[in-house]
């Protein structure tokens, strides 16, 4: 395993630990960030669907 891979794995594990700790503490910022992410994902899917419709209709 390369040094870069080891560092990346270590950073990923540390980020996961911090996330689990924050979730266990029921941090409001984590909840808010998740809600915003879910809303943005829904908005993105809706916009993507609309774009597909426009392309299918021959507008683009």
N, C-alpha and C. Protein backbone atom coordinates (compact mmCIF):
# COMPACT_ATOMS: atom_id res chain seq x y z
N UNK A 1 0.86 -1.18 0.00
CA UNK A 1 0.00 0.00 0.00
C UNK A 1 0.90 1.24 0.00
N UNK A 2 0.61 2.17 -0.86
CA UNK A 2 1.45 3.36 -0.96
C UNK A 2 1.21 4.29 0.22
N UNK A 3 2.16 5.17 0.44
CA UNK A 3 2.04 6.15 1.53
C UNK A 3 0.79 6.99 1.35
N UNK A 4 0.53 7.35 0.12
CA UNK A 4 -0.65 8.17 -0.18
C UNK A 4 -1.94 7.43 0.20
N UNK A 5 -2.01 6.15 -0.11
CA UNK A 5 -3.19 5.35 0.23
C UNK A 5 -3.36 5.23 1.73
N UNK A 6 -2.24 5.04 2.43
CA UNK A 6 -2.29 4.93 3.89
C UNK A 6 -2.80 6.22 4.50
N UNK A 7 -2.30 7.35 4.03
CA UNK A 7 -2.73 8.65 4.54
C UNK A 7 -4.21 8.86 4.24
N UNK A 8 -4.62 8.54 3.02
CA UNK A 8 -6.02 8.71 2.65
C UNK A 8 -6.92 7.84 3.52
N UNK A 9 -6.54 6.60 3.72
CA UNK A 9 -7.33 5.69 4.57
C UNK A 9 -7.41 6.20 5.99
N UNK A 10 -6.30 6.69 6.49
CA UNK A 10 -6.27 7.21 7.86
C UNK A 10 -7.17 8.43 8.00
N UNK A 11 -7.11 9.33 7.04
CA UNK A 11 -7.96 10.52 7.08
C UNK A 11 -9.44 10.15 6.96
N UNK A 12 -9.73 9.18 6.12
CA UNK A 12 -11.12 8.74 5.96
C UNK A 12 -11.64 8.12 7.25
N UNK A 13 -10.82 7.31 7.91
CA UNK A 13 -11.24 6.71 9.19
C UNK A 13 -11.46 7.78 10.25
N UNK A 14 -10.58 8.76 10.30
CA UNK A 14 -10.72 9.84 11.28
C UNK A 14 -11.99 10.65 11.02
N UNK A 15 -12.27 10.94 9.77
CA UNK A 15 -13.49 11.68 9.42
C UNK A 15 -14.72 10.89 9.82
N UNK A 16 -14.69 9.58 9.60
CA UNK A 16 -15.82 8.73 9.98
C UNK A 16 -16.01 8.72 11.49
N UNK A 17 -14.92 8.65 12.23
CA UNK A 17 -15.00 8.69 13.71
C UNK A 17 -15.63 10.00 14.17
N UNK A 18 -15.17 11.10 13.59
CA UNK A 18 -15.71 12.41 13.98
C UNK A 18 -17.19 12.52 13.65
N UNK A 19 -17.57 11.99 12.51
CA UNK A 19 -18.98 12.02 12.13
C UNK A 19 -19.81 11.21 13.11
N UNK A 20 -19.34 10.02 13.46
CA UNK A 20 -20.08 9.18 14.42
C UNK A 20 -20.20 9.86 15.78
N UNK A 21 -19.11 10.51 16.22
CA UNK A 21 -19.16 11.22 17.50
C UNK A 21 -20.16 12.36 17.46
N UNK A 22 -20.15 13.12 16.37
CA UNK A 22 -21.08 14.24 16.23
C UNK A 22 -22.52 13.74 16.19
N UNK A 23 -22.74 12.64 15.48
CA UNK A 23 -24.08 12.07 15.41
C UNK A 23 -24.54 11.60 16.79
N UNK A 24 -23.63 11.00 17.53
CA UNK A 24 -23.97 10.51 18.87
C UNK A 24 -24.33 11.67 19.80
N UNK A 25 -23.73 12.81 19.55
CA UNK A 25 -24.01 13.99 20.37
C UNK A 25 -25.23 14.74 19.86
N UNK A 26 -25.79 14.27 18.76
CA UNK A 26 -26.98 14.89 18.18
C UNK A 26 -26.75 16.37 17.87
N UNK A 27 -25.64 16.65 17.21
CA UNK A 27 -25.24 18.01 16.88
C UNK A 27 -26.22 18.62 15.88
N UNK A 28 -26.82 19.76 16.21
CA UNK A 28 -27.80 20.40 15.32
C UNK A 28 -27.22 20.72 13.93
N UNK A 29 -25.95 21.09 13.87
CA UNK A 29 -25.35 21.44 12.59
C UNK A 29 -25.32 20.24 11.65
N UNK A 30 -25.11 19.05 12.21
CA UNK A 30 -25.10 17.84 11.39
C UNK A 30 -26.49 17.59 10.83
N UNK A 31 -27.50 17.73 11.67
CA UNK A 31 -28.88 17.54 11.22
C UNK A 31 -29.23 18.54 10.12
N UNK A 32 -28.84 19.79 10.33
CA UNK A 32 -29.13 20.84 9.35
C UNK A 32 -28.42 20.56 8.03
N UNK A 33 -27.16 20.16 8.11
CA UNK A 33 -26.40 19.86 6.90
C UNK A 33 -27.03 18.70 6.14
N UNK A 34 -27.47 17.68 6.86
CA UNK A 34 -28.12 16.54 6.20
C UNK A 34 -29.41 16.97 5.52
N UNK A 35 -30.20 17.78 6.21
CA UNK A 35 -31.47 18.25 5.64
C UNK A 35 -31.22 19.06 4.37
N UNK A 36 -30.22 19.94 4.42
CA UNK A 36 -29.89 20.74 3.23
C UNK A 36 -29.41 19.85 2.09
N UNK A 37 -28.61 18.85 2.42
CA UNK A 37 -28.11 17.93 1.40
C UNK A 37 -29.25 17.15 0.76
N UNK A 38 -30.19 16.67 1.57
CA UNK A 38 -31.33 15.93 1.04
C UNK A 38 -32.19 16.82 0.15
N UNK A 39 -32.42 18.06 0.59
CA UNK A 39 -33.22 18.99 -0.20
C UNK A 39 -32.52 19.31 -1.53
N UNK A 40 -31.21 19.54 -1.47
CA UNK A 40 -30.45 19.84 -2.68
C UNK A 40 -30.46 18.66 -3.64
N UNK A 41 -30.38 17.45 -3.09
CA UNK A 41 -30.41 16.26 -3.94
C UNK A 41 -31.75 16.16 -4.67
N UNK A 42 -32.83 16.43 -3.95
CA UNK A 42 -34.16 16.41 -4.57
C UNK A 42 -34.30 17.47 -5.64
N UNK A 43 -33.80 18.67 -5.35
CA UNK A 43 -33.84 19.75 -6.34
C UNK A 43 -33.02 19.39 -7.57
N UNK A 44 -31.86 18.77 -7.35
CA UNK A 44 -31.00 18.39 -8.46
C UNK A 44 -31.70 17.36 -9.34
N UNK A 45 -32.34 16.36 -8.73
CA UNK A 45 -33.05 15.35 -9.50
C UNK A 45 -34.19 15.97 -10.31
N UNK A 46 -34.90 16.92 -9.71
CA UNK A 46 -36.00 17.59 -10.42
C UNK A 46 -35.47 18.38 -11.62
N UNK A 47 -34.38 19.10 -11.41
CA UNK A 47 -33.79 19.89 -12.50
C UNK A 47 -33.27 18.97 -13.60
N UNK A 48 -32.66 17.87 -13.22
CA UNK A 48 -32.15 16.92 -14.20
C UNK A 48 -33.29 16.33 -15.02
N UNK A 49 -34.39 16.00 -14.36
CA UNK A 49 -35.56 15.46 -15.07
C UNK A 49 -36.11 16.48 -16.06
N UNK A 50 -36.14 17.74 -15.63
CA UNK A 50 -36.65 18.81 -16.51
C UNK A 50 -35.73 18.95 -17.73
N UNK A 51 -34.44 18.88 -17.51
CA UNK A 51 -33.49 18.97 -18.62
C UNK A 51 -33.70 17.82 -19.60
N UNK A 52 -33.90 16.63 -19.09
CA UNK A 52 -34.15 15.47 -19.96
C UNK A 52 -35.41 15.70 -20.78
N UNK A 53 -36.46 16.25 -20.17
CA UNK A 53 -37.70 16.55 -20.89
C UNK A 53 -37.44 17.53 -22.04
N UNK A 54 -36.68 18.58 -21.75
CA UNK A 54 -36.39 19.60 -22.76
C UNK A 54 -35.61 18.99 -23.91
N UNK A 55 -34.63 18.16 -23.59
CA UNK A 55 -33.84 17.51 -24.64
C UNK A 55 -34.73 16.58 -25.45
N UNK A 56 -35.56 15.79 -24.76
CA UNK A 56 -36.46 14.86 -25.46
C UNK A 56 -37.44 15.59 -26.36
N UNK A 57 -37.86 16.79 -25.95
CA UNK A 57 -38.79 17.58 -26.75
C UNK A 57 -38.11 18.27 -27.93
N UNK A 58 -36.78 18.19 -27.98
CA UNK A 58 -36.04 18.77 -29.09
C UNK A 58 -35.67 20.23 -28.90
N UNK A 59 -35.83 20.75 -27.71
CA UNK A 59 -35.48 22.15 -27.47
C UNK A 59 -33.97 22.35 -27.36
N UNK A 60 -33.26 21.33 -26.97
CA UNK A 60 -31.79 21.43 -26.87
C UNK A 60 -31.15 20.34 -27.68
